[in-house]
Amino acid sequence: MKTSLSVSASAMPRIPVTRKMISHTKHAYSFDDANSLLEDENGLFHPRKASDFPDISENQLAATPIVAVPTSDVSGPQITSSQNGMRLSSASVPKTSTKAQKQQDEYADYLELANSKDFSNLHALKILYVAGTDALDRPIVVLMLRNLPMKEVDPSHLLLFFINVLDKIVENEYILIFVNSKVTTENKPTFSWLQKVYHIFNRKYKKNLKALYMIYPTFWIKLIFRLFKPFISSKFWKKLVYIEEINELFKYIDKKMMDLPEEVLNYRTNGVPENKVKPMFGASLEEVLALENNPTGIPTVVEKSVQYLLQRATRVEGIFRLSGSSTNIDEIRKAFDRGDNVNLLQYEDPHAIAGMLKLFLRELKDPAFPIDFYDTCISTQTASSGNTEAWVPSVRALLSNLPAQNRLLLSFLFSMLACIAANSDVNKMTPDNLSIVFAPNLLRARSLTISQVMIDSPIINAFVRDMIIHQAALFV
């Protein structure tokens, strides 16, 4: 049973108590553990467990308010029964004897010093500034880490600058955007300096921070936060949002409500400015690989899509046959075209990922099976269909004549299709079914009449079907 005993801290600063004595009539209970009483958000203290007060019934506790008073034999605030309401007397505790009060006094000294300094040179660097307000009219503070002159300015002076800028802002709720693009060793603060900042910044900094958006987080930034984890409240982690690409930020805050530098808006984690990125959809395979400089030799959109589908969709009924959300498909397409580092795992709709992959393949300038090989594919299938011993070496010979990047792409795709087909008892996508929806995205002629399309369609479907069935023998 949870005890309802509580002590109000309204009569003194809210402080950690290192030793406590609770007296109720003739009974006294001593607590040497600093965590024996918990202070809630309303300034009320609660014992951790009812067993701390074995001599007191729940009715007695509910009926008798308690109050902290000084005693001669125990240092620190003392809690005894009272009929006059709940309060915590600070009479026995000198103002400067508590950790929280010492921190408040120290912060007041720093603030007084900060308000006496001239920071015009640091303001000009735009290290820390208010960039606007969000939809709830909360100020949006931007911290540009790359503008932080850690090697050129005394770190203590920088701390005073931060206090000077933020003190009035953090009296109320605020949002912080931490921009980590193009940071060098000249800008990185030391761990000890960050500890000092966290120590000096008092409760209002932490309580009134409603969201921290970390733009372009690097391994170093994430490591720093992990190192700080023992010192930071668990509530903080609910406020932290890592933003890998700038457009993700606009899901939380309207772009028009912020004043962010153009280089931040255009920056990409691969170092390519947004306005120089060419669209991936509609380009040729050769162009896509040249734009990405991807060492795997597989277009990123294909690589990420296949990884997603193998992880989440091999047993999804109707995969590649059922349509996904057109909104999601369009959103993902635009993200890849911008050069964003797209995280497909945030999407719960596997049909959208499958649809987006088919769209990419369909819009290649020259399909995965180049147009010049279309007639060869038709003739190979027609000549050897039904004769596996002749068909496999014929298709392997055909594949060997393809450009290396096309051969690698087809190997990657058919490996995935074979995995999908292996689960056809669950997903209902047999090699036949897969070939019907996939073949038109892999092969096409330069130009065909409607009648010729009707003749060729069953042939190219059978060609793709047999490639799925014999995938292991074709790509060795």
Protein backbone atom coordinates (compact mmCIF):
# COMPACT_ATOMS: atom_id res chain seq x y z
CA MET A 1 0.00 0.00 0.00
CA LYS A 2 1.44 3.38 -0.99
CA THR A 3 1.68 5.96 1.82
CA SER A 4 0.12 9.35 1.12
CA LEU A 5 2.48 11.23 3.45
CA SER A 6 3.79 14.42 1.88
CA VAL A 7 5.69 17.50 2.92
CA SER A 8 5.38 20.84 1.15
CA ALA A 9 8.58 22.66 0.30
CA SER A 10 6.82 25.97 -0.37
CA ALA A 11 8.38 27.68 2.62
CA MET A 12 11.96 27.18 1.47
CA PRO A 13 13.92 26.57 -1.72
CA ARG A 14 13.44 23.06 -3.08
CA ILE A 15 16.59 21.31 -1.93
CA PRO A 16 18.01 17.80 -1.73
CA VAL A 17 17.99 16.62 1.90
CA THR A 18 20.91 14.42 2.84
CA ARG A 19 19.59 13.41 6.30
CA LYS A 20 15.99 13.48 7.43
CA MET A 21 14.07 12.80 10.63
CA ILE A 22 10.35 12.27 10.49
CA SER A 23 8.59 12.56 13.87
CA HIS A 24 4.98 11.63 14.44
CA THR A 25 3.80 12.02 18.06
CA LYS A 26 6.20 9.80 20.03
CA HIS A 27 7.77 8.07 17.05
CA ALA A 28 10.83 9.20 15.08
CA TYR A 29 12.15 7.73 11.85
CA SER A 30 15.63 8.56 10.61
CA PHE A 31 16.64 8.48 6.95
CA ASP A 32 20.32 8.61 6.10
CA ASP A 33 19.81 7.77 2.40
CA ALA A 34 19.57 10.95 0.31
CA ASN A 35 16.93 9.27 -1.81
CA SER A 36 14.67 8.18 1.03
CA LEU A 37 12.19 10.96 0.27
CA LEU A 38 11.06 11.85 -3.23
CA GLU A 39 10.14 15.39 -4.25
CA ASP A 40 7.38 15.62 -6.83
CA GLU A 41 6.78 18.39 -9.40
CA ASN A 42 4.55 20.28 -6.97
CA GLY A 43 7.23 20.53 -4.31
CA LEU A 44 5.81 17.71 -2.18
CA PHE A 45 8.01 15.09 -0.53
CA HIS A 46 6.88 11.44 -0.47
CA PRO A 47 8.48 8.47 1.29
CA ARG A 48 9.60 5.76 -1.10
CA LYS A 49 7.65 2.99 0.66
CA ALA A 50 5.05 2.61 3.37
CA SER A 51 7.31 0.27 5.33
CA ASP A 52 9.37 3.33 6.31
CA PHE A 53 6.57 4.12 8.84
CA PRO A 54 5.60 0.79 10.43
CA ASP A 55 4.10 2.35 13.56
CA ILE A 56 1.74 4.73 11.78
CA SER A 57 -1.54 3.67 10.27
CA GLU A 58 -2.70 5.00 6.94
CA ASN A 59 -5.59 6.80 8.66
CA GLN A 60 -3.20 8.60 11.03
CA LEU A 61 -1.04 9.72 8.16
CA ALA A 62 -4.03 10.99 6.21
CA ALA A 63 -5.45 12.85 9.22
CA THR A 64 -2.28 14.48 10.51
CA PRO A 65 -0.37 16.94 8.37
CA ILE A 66 3.36 17.16 8.95
CA VAL A 67 5.86 19.99 9.12
CA ALA A 68 9.64 20.17 9.17
CA VAL A 69 11.13 21.84 12.27
CA PRO A 70 14.66 22.10 13.61
CA THR A 71 15.81 19.75 16.37
CA SER A 72 18.96 19.81 18.42
CA ASP A 73 20.21 16.32 17.76
CA VAL A 74 19.78 15.96 14.01
CA SER A 75 21.23 18.26 11.36
CA GLY A 76 19.13 19.28 8.40
CA PRO A 77 15.39 19.84 8.10
CA GLN A 78 13.23 17.84 10.53
CA ILE A 79 9.66 16.69 9.87
CA THR A 80 7.14 16.48 12.74
CA SER A 81 3.37 16.45 13.17
CA SER A 82 1.44 19.71 13.11
CA GLN A 83 -2.17 20.87 13.01
CA ASN A 84 -1.38 24.06 11.12
CA GLY A 85 -0.84 22.76 7.60
CA MET A 86 2.08 21.37 5.66
CA ARG A 87 5.32 23.28 5.29
CA LEU A 88 9.06 22.67 5.39
CA SER A 89 10.89 25.04 7.70
CA SER A 90 14.32 26.20 6.65
CA ALA A 91 15.17 27.54 10.10
CA SER A 92 17.61 24.72 10.79
CA VAL A 93 19.23 24.83 7.36
CA PRO A 94 21.60 27.69 6.53
CA LYS A 95 20.82 29.21 3.13
CA THR A 96 24.14 28.16 1.61
CA SER A 97 24.24 24.65 3.05
CA THR A 98 22.22 22.98 0.32
CA LYS A 99 23.45 21.95 -3.09
CA ALA A 100 20.56 23.52 -4.98
CA GLN A 101 20.87 26.84 -3.17
CA LYS A 102 24.60 26.90 -3.76
CA GLN A 103 23.93 26.34 -7.45
CA GLN A 104 21.41 29.17 -7.48
CA ASP A 105 23.90 31.49 -5.77
CA GLU A 106 26.62 30.48 -8.21
CA TYR A 107 24.33 31.06 -11.18
CA ALA A 108 23.37 34.50 -9.82
CA ASP A 109 27.06 35.42 -9.66
CA TYR A 110 27.60 34.25 -13.25
CA LEU A 111 24.53 36.15 -14.43
CA GLU A 112 25.68 39.37 -12.78
CA LEU A 113 29.07 39.00 -14.44
CA ALA A 114 27.51 38.11 -17.80
CA ASN A 115 25.35 41.23 -17.77
CA SER A 116 28.42 43.38 -17.27
CA LYS A 117 30.27 42.09 -20.36
CA ASP A 118 30.30 43.22 -23.99
CA PHE A 119 29.54 40.33 -26.34
CA SER A 120 29.11 42.27 -29.59
CA ASN A 121 31.89 40.28 -31.29
CA LEU A 122 30.20 36.95 -30.41
CA HIS A 123 26.74 38.17 -31.42
CA ALA A 124 28.18 39.00 -34.84
CA LEU A 125 29.22 35.36 -35.30
CA LYS A 126 25.59 34.20 -34.97
CA ILE A 127 26.56 31.38 -32.63
CA LEU A 128 23.34 31.55 -30.62
CA TYR A 129 20.26 33.48 -31.64
CA VAL A 130 16.46 33.45 -31.68
CA ALA A 131 15.33 32.34 -35.14
CA GLY A 132 11.56 32.83 -34.69
CA THR A 133 8.68 31.20 -32.85
CA ASP A 134 6.83 27.94 -33.32
CA ALA A 135 3.08 27.38 -33.69
CA LEU A 136 2.68 27.72 -29.89
CA ASP A 137 4.56 31.05 -29.91
CA ARG A 138 7.55 29.54 -28.14
CA PRO A 139 10.92 31.08 -29.08
CA ILE A 140 13.13 28.95 -31.35
CA VAL A 141 16.77 29.24 -30.32
CA VAL A 142 19.41 28.18 -32.86
CA LEU A 143 22.88 27.08 -31.83
CA MET A 144 25.35 26.99 -34.74
CA LEU A 145 28.16 24.80 -33.44
CA ARG A 146 30.43 25.51 -36.41
CA ASN A 147 30.46 29.21 -35.42
CA LEU A 148 31.64 28.43 -31.89
CA PRO A 149 35.24 29.76 -31.58
CA MET A 150 36.41 27.34 -28.89
CA LYS A 151 40.11 27.79 -29.72
CA GLU A 152 39.98 31.58 -30.08
CA VAL A 153 37.87 32.71 -27.12
CA ASP A 154 38.21 31.94 -23.42
CA PRO A 155 35.69 29.15 -22.66
CA SER A 156 34.60 31.01 -19.51
CA HIS A 157 33.75 34.03 -21.65
CA LEU A 158 31.70 31.80 -23.95
CA LEU A 159 29.77 30.46 -20.96
CA LEU A 160 28.96 34.01 -19.87
CA PHE A 161 27.80 34.77 -23.42
CA PHE A 162 25.41 31.81 -23.37
CA ILE A 163 23.97 32.95 -20.04
CA ASN A 164 23.61 36.51 -21.32
CA VAL A 165 21.64 35.38 -24.37
CA LEU A 166 19.53 32.67 -22.78
CA ASP A 167 18.66 33.83 -19.26
CA LYS A 168 15.52 35.79 -20.16
CA ILE A 169 14.48 33.34 -22.90
CA VAL A 170 14.47 30.29 -20.65
CA GLU A 171 12.16 31.90 -18.11
CA ASN A 172 9.41 30.45 -20.32
CA GLU A 173 9.06 27.44 -22.61
CA TYR A 174 11.43 27.39 -25.58
CA ILE A 175 12.71 25.21 -28.44
CA LEU A 176 16.39 24.60 -29.19
CA ILE A 177 17.78 23.73 -32.63
CA PHE A 178 21.36 22.47 -32.51
CA VAL A 179 23.01 22.63 -35.97
CA ASN A 180 26.01 20.37 -36.41
CA SER A 181 26.93 20.86 -40.09
CA LYS A 182 30.54 21.47 -41.18
CA VAL A 183 31.90 21.32 -37.63
CA THR A 184 35.69 21.03 -37.24
CA THR A 185 37.98 20.42 -34.28
CA GLU A 186 38.25 24.19 -33.95
CA ASN A 187 34.57 24.35 -32.98
CA LYS A 188 34.16 21.29 -30.78
CA PRO A 189 33.80 22.07 -27.06
CA THR A 190 35.54 19.83 -24.56
CA PHE A 191 33.60 17.40 -22.42
CA SER A 192 34.69 19.24 -19.26
CA TRP A 193 33.35 22.54 -20.64
CA LEU A 194 30.01 20.92 -21.49
CA GLN A 195 29.87 19.52 -17.95
CA LYS A 196 30.48 23.01 -16.59
CA VAL A 197 27.69 24.47 -18.75
CA TYR A 198 25.26 21.76 -17.64
CA HIS A 199 26.18 22.37 -14.00
CA ILE A 200 25.77 26.16 -14.18
CA PHE A 201 22.53 26.13 -16.16
CA ASN A 202 19.89 25.94 -13.47
CA ARG A 203 16.52 24.23 -13.42
CA LYS A 204 14.66 26.66 -15.67
CA TYR A 205 16.97 25.83 -18.59
CA LYS A 206 16.10 22.16 -18.35
CA LYS A 207 12.46 22.36 -17.30
CA ASN A 208 11.38 24.93 -19.91
CA LEU A 209 13.19 23.25 -22.79
CA LYS A 210 10.34 21.56 -24.67
CA ALA A 211 12.25 20.10 -27.61
CA LEU A 212 15.85 19.80 -28.74
CA TYR A 213 16.30 19.15 -32.46
CA MET A 214 19.79 17.90 -33.25
CA ILE A 215 20.41 18.70 -36.95
CA TYR A 216 22.94 16.50 -38.79
CA PRO A 217 24.11 14.59 -35.69
CA THR A 218 27.52 12.98 -36.06
CA PHE A 219 28.98 10.04 -34.19
CA TRP A 220 30.86 12.52 -31.98
CA ILE A 221 27.64 14.31 -30.98
CA LYS A 222 25.84 11.07 -30.21
CA LEU A 223 28.82 9.87 -28.19
CA ILE A 224 28.81 13.07 -26.12
CA PHE A 225 25.13 12.57 -25.30
CA ARG A 226 25.78 8.98 -24.29
CA LEU A 227 28.56 10.14 -21.97
CA PHE A 228 26.16 12.64 -20.41
CA LYS A 229 23.44 10.06 -19.84
CA PRO A 230 24.33 9.40 -16.16
CA PHE A 231 23.95 13.12 -15.37
CA ILE A 232 20.79 13.87 -17.33
CA SER A 233 17.17 13.30 -16.30
CA SER A 234 15.26 10.59 -18.13
CA LYS A 235 12.72 13.25 -19.14
CA PHE A 236 15.35 14.92 -21.31
CA TRP A 237 15.60 12.00 -23.75
CA LYS A 238 11.92 12.40 -24.63
CA LYS A 239 12.71 15.94 -25.78
CA LEU A 240 15.68 15.00 -27.98
CA VAL A 241 15.05 14.46 -31.70
CA TYR A 242 17.84 13.57 -34.12
CA ILE A 243 17.30 15.15 -37.55
CA GLU A 244 19.39 13.47 -40.25
CA GLU A 245 18.12 15.68 -43.09
CA ILE A 246 16.77 19.21 -42.81
CA ASN A 247 13.38 18.41 -44.33
CA GLU A 248 12.63 16.12 -41.40
CA LEU A 249 12.69 19.23 -39.18
CA PHE A 250 9.81 20.77 -41.11
CA LYS A 251 7.53 17.98 -39.94
CA TYR A 252 7.80 19.55 -36.48
CA ILE A 253 8.26 23.27 -37.22
CA ASP A 254 6.99 25.29 -40.16
CA LYS A 255 9.93 26.29 -42.37
CA LYS A 256 8.48 29.79 -42.76
CA MET A 257 8.64 30.40 -39.00
CA MET A 258 12.42 30.01 -38.78
CA ASP A 259 15.39 32.06 -39.91
CA LEU A 260 17.94 29.41 -40.82
CA PRO A 261 21.03 30.12 -42.99
CA GLU A 262 20.79 29.00 -46.61
CA GLU A 263 23.85 26.79 -46.24
CA VAL A 264 22.04 24.88 -43.49
CA LEU A 265 18.90 24.48 -45.58
CA ASN A 266 20.93 23.29 -48.57
CA TYR A 267 23.45 21.16 -46.71
CA ARG A 268 23.39 17.41 -47.25
CA THR A 269 25.18 14.78 -45.18
CA ASN A 270 26.90 13.54 -48.35
CA GLY A 271 28.32 17.04 -48.79
CA VAL A 272 26.28 17.81 -51.91
CA PRO A 273 24.19 21.02 -51.83
CA GLU A 274 20.49 20.44 -52.53
CA ASN A 275 20.41 22.74 -55.55
CA LYS A 276 23.16 20.68 -57.21
CA VAL A 277 21.50 17.29 -56.74
CA LYS A 278 20.01 15.83 -59.91
CA PRO A 279 16.87 13.68 -59.67
CA MET A 280 17.42 9.93 -59.41
CA PHE A 281 14.05 8.96 -60.86
CA GLY A 282 14.07 9.21 -64.64
CA ALA A 283 17.87 9.12 -64.93
CA SER A 284 19.84 6.31 -66.51
CA LEU A 285 21.45 3.64 -64.34
CA GLU A 286 24.88 4.97 -65.30
CA GLU A 287 23.90 8.53 -64.31
CA VAL A 288 22.47 7.43 -60.97
CA LEU A 289 25.63 5.53 -60.03
CA ALA A 290 27.81 8.47 -61.09
CA LEU A 291 25.75 10.92 -59.02
CA GLU A 292 25.84 8.75 -55.91
CA ASN A 293 29.39 7.44 -56.20
CA ASN A 294 28.04 4.41 -54.34
CA PRO A 295 30.82 1.83 -53.77
CA THR A 296 28.31 -1.06 -53.79
CA GLY A 297 27.46 -0.45 -57.44
CA ILE A 298 23.75 -0.62 -56.58
CA PRO A 299 21.57 2.53 -56.67
CA THR A 300 20.80 3.61 -53.11
CA VAL A 301 17.05 3.62 -53.74
CA VAL A 302 17.25 -0.02 -54.89
CA GLU A 303 19.59 -1.06 -52.10
CA LYS A 304 17.47 0.48 -49.33
CA SER A 305 14.20 -0.77 -50.84
CA VAL A 306 15.42 -4.34 -51.16
CA GLN A 307 16.84 -4.31 -47.62
CA TYR A 308 13.48 -3.04 -46.31
CA LEU A 309 11.46 -5.62 -48.25
CA LEU A 310 13.65 -8.55 -47.21
CA GLN A 311 13.41 -7.42 -43.61
CA ARG A 312 9.69 -6.67 -43.47
CA ALA A 313 7.79 -7.88 -46.51
CA THR A 314 8.75 -11.42 -47.56
CA ARG A 315 5.57 -12.75 -45.92
CA VAL A 316 3.26 -9.84 -46.72
CA GLU A 317 0.36 -10.99 -48.83
CA GLY A 318 0.22 -9.44 -52.30
CA ILE A 319 3.59 -7.70 -52.08
CA PHE A 320 4.37 -6.03 -55.44
CA ARG A 321 0.80 -6.72 -56.57
CA LEU A 322 -1.17 -4.52 -54.16
CA SER A 323 -0.86 -0.75 -54.41
CA GLY A 324 0.77 1.28 -51.64
CA SER A 325 -0.02 4.80 -50.50
CA SER A 326 0.53 7.17 -53.43
CA THR A 327 1.27 9.93 -50.91
CA ASN A 328 4.06 7.89 -49.33
CA ILE A 329 5.44 6.85 -52.72
CA ASP A 330 5.56 10.47 -53.88
CA GLU A 331 7.13 11.62 -50.60
CA ILE A 332 9.87 8.97 -50.78
CA ARG A 333 10.53 9.67 -54.44
CA LYS A 334 10.99 13.39 -53.78
CA ALA A 335 13.29 12.66 -50.84
CA PHE A 336 15.57 10.48 -52.98
CA ASP A 337 15.49 13.04 -55.78
CA ARG A 338 16.65 15.73 -53.33
CA GLY A 339 19.55 13.54 -52.29
CA ASP A 340 18.22 13.05 -48.77
CA ASN A 341 19.53 10.25 -46.59
CA VAL A 342 16.16 8.49 -46.59
CA ASN A 343 15.25 6.19 -43.71
CA LEU A 344 12.67 3.81 -45.18
CA LEU A 345 12.18 2.04 -41.86
CA GLN A 346 10.03 4.95 -40.68
CA TYR A 347 7.34 3.82 -43.15
CA GLU A 348 4.93 1.12 -42.03
CA ASP A 349 3.51 0.49 -45.52
CA PRO A 350 5.60 -2.16 -47.34
CA HIS A 351 3.39 -1.84 -50.43
CA ALA A 352 4.50 1.79 -50.76
CA ILE A 353 8.16 0.72 -50.72
CA ALA A 354 7.47 -2.02 -53.27
CA GLY A 355 5.56 0.44 -55.45
CA MET A 356 8.35 3.00 -55.21
CA LEU A 357 10.94 0.40 -56.27
CA LYS A 358 8.86 -0.59 -59.30
CA LEU A 359 8.47 3.10 -60.18
CA PHE A 360 12.23 3.68 -60.06
CA LEU A 361 12.89 0.70 -62.34
CA ARG A 362 10.09 1.68 -64.72
CA GLU A 363 11.39 5.25 -65.07
CA LEU A 364 15.01 4.37 -65.80
CA LYS A 365 15.95 5.92 -69.16
CA ASP A 366 17.21 2.53 -70.23
CA PRO A 367 15.66 -0.40 -68.33
CA ALA A 368 17.56 -2.96 -66.27
CA PHE A 369 17.55 -5.14 -69.39
CA PRO A 370 18.74 -2.49 -71.88
CA ILE A 371 16.46 -1.80 -74.81
CA ASP A 372 19.08 -3.13 -77.23
CA PHE A 373 18.75 -6.56 -75.58
CA TYR A 374 14.95 -6.72 -75.76
CA ASP A 375 14.80 -8.79 -78.96
CA THR A 376 17.52 -11.14 -77.66
CA CYS A 377 15.49 -11.81 -74.51
CA ILE A 378 12.38 -12.56 -76.59
CA SER A 379 14.24 -14.90 -78.98
CA THR A 380 16.09 -16.70 -76.14
CA GLN A 381 12.86 -17.40 -74.30
CA THR A 382 11.06 -18.50 -77.44
CA ALA A 383 13.85 -20.87 -78.51
CA SER A 384 14.56 -22.53 -75.17
CA SER A 385 11.35 -22.30 -73.15
CA GLY A 386 10.57 -25.59 -71.44
CA ASN A 387 14.10 -26.92 -71.94
CA THR A 388 15.93 -26.01 -68.76
CA GLU A 389 19.24 -27.58 -69.85
CA ALA A 390 19.33 -25.33 -72.92
CA TRP A 391 17.62 -22.29 -71.39
CA VAL A 392 19.95 -21.74 -68.39
CA PRO A 393 23.23 -21.54 -70.38
CA SER A 394 21.54 -19.38 -73.04
CA VAL A 395 20.34 -16.85 -70.49
CA ARG A 396 23.69 -16.92 -68.68
CA ALA A 397 25.38 -16.08 -71.97
CA LEU A 398 22.90 -13.24 -72.51
CA LEU A 399 23.58 -11.86 -69.03
CA SER A 400 27.34 -11.97 -69.55
CA ASN A 401 26.95 -9.57 -72.48
CA LEU A 402 25.08 -6.96 -70.41
CA PRO A 403 26.91 -3.91 -68.99
CA ALA A 404 28.44 -4.80 -65.62
CA GLN A 405 26.19 -2.40 -63.67
CA ASN A 406 23.06 -3.87 -65.26
CA ARG A 407 24.18 -7.41 -64.50
CA LEU A 408 24.86 -6.49 -60.87
CA LEU A 409 21.49 -4.76 -60.52
CA LEU A 410 19.61 -7.75 -61.96
CA SER A 411 21.45 -10.15 -59.69
CA PHE A 412 20.46 -8.03 -56.68
CA LEU A 413 16.81 -7.80 -57.75
CA PHE A 414 16.33 -11.46 -58.68
CA SER A 415 17.90 -12.59 -55.41
CA MET A 416 15.16 -10.62 -53.62
CA LEU A 417 12.41 -11.91 -55.95
CA ALA A 418 13.51 -15.50 -55.28
CA CYS A 419 13.17 -14.86 -51.52
CA ILE A 420 9.68 -13.42 -52.03
CA ALA A 421 8.67 -16.42 -54.17
CA ALA A 422 10.04 -18.84 -51.54
CA ASN A 423 7.33 -17.54 -49.19
CA SER A 424 4.51 -17.75 -51.75
CA ASP A 425 2.50 -20.10 -49.52
CA VAL A 426 2.02 -17.06 -47.23
CA ASN A 427 2.35 -14.00 -49.49
CA LYS A 428 0.57 -15.60 -52.48
CA MET A 429 3.26 -14.24 -54.81
CA THR A 430 4.46 -17.19 -56.90
CA PRO A 431 7.09 -16.74 -59.63
CA ASP A 432 4.20 -16.46 -62.11
CA ASN A 433 2.49 -13.71 -60.11
CA LEU A 434 5.73 -11.83 -59.54
CA SER A 435 6.65 -11.96 -63.22
CA ILE A 436 3.34 -10.40 -64.26
CA VAL A 437 3.85 -7.32 -62.08
CA PHE A 438 7.65 -7.08 -62.45
CA ALA A 439 8.43 -7.90 -66.09
CA PRO A 440 7.11 -4.60 -67.54
CA ASN A 441 9.49 -2.72 -65.22
CA LEU A 442 12.55 -4.68 -66.38
CA LEU A 443 12.10 -5.04 -70.14
CA ARG A 444 10.66 -2.78 -72.80
CA ALA A 445 11.11 -2.33 -76.52
CA ARG A 446 11.95 0.90 -78.28
CA SER A 447 8.50 0.99 -79.83
CA LEU A 448 5.78 -1.62 -80.24
CA THR A 449 2.32 -1.73 -81.73
CA ILE A 450 -0.54 -2.75 -79.47
CA SER A 451 -0.81 -6.09 -81.24
CA GLN A 452 2.91 -6.75 -80.79
CA VAL A 453 2.66 -5.88 -77.08
CA MET A 454 -0.11 -8.46 -76.73
CA ILE A 455 2.12 -11.07 -78.41
CA ASP A 456 5.28 -10.23 -76.44
CA SER A 457 3.78 -9.84 -72.95
CA PRO A 458 3.35 -13.58 -72.21
CA ILE A 459 6.90 -14.20 -73.48
CA ILE A 460 8.62 -11.59 -71.29
CA ASN A 461 6.50 -12.68 -68.32
CA ALA A 462 7.67 -16.27 -68.81
CA PHE A 463 11.25 -15.05 -69.21
CA VAL A 464 11.15 -13.23 -65.85
CA ARG A 465 9.30 -16.12 -64.19
CA ASP A 466 11.98 -18.61 -65.26
CA MET A 467 14.73 -16.24 -64.11
CA ILE A 468 13.14 -16.15 -60.63
CA ILE A 469 12.93 -19.95 -60.54
CA HIS A 470 16.52 -20.46 -61.73
CA GLN A 471 18.03 -17.40 -60.06
CA ALA A 472 20.70 -19.39 -58.19
CA ALA A 473 21.93 -21.05 -61.38
CA LEU A 474 21.98 -17.84 -63.44
CA PHE A 475 23.86 -15.56 -61.05
CA VAL A 476 26.93 -17.38 -59.78
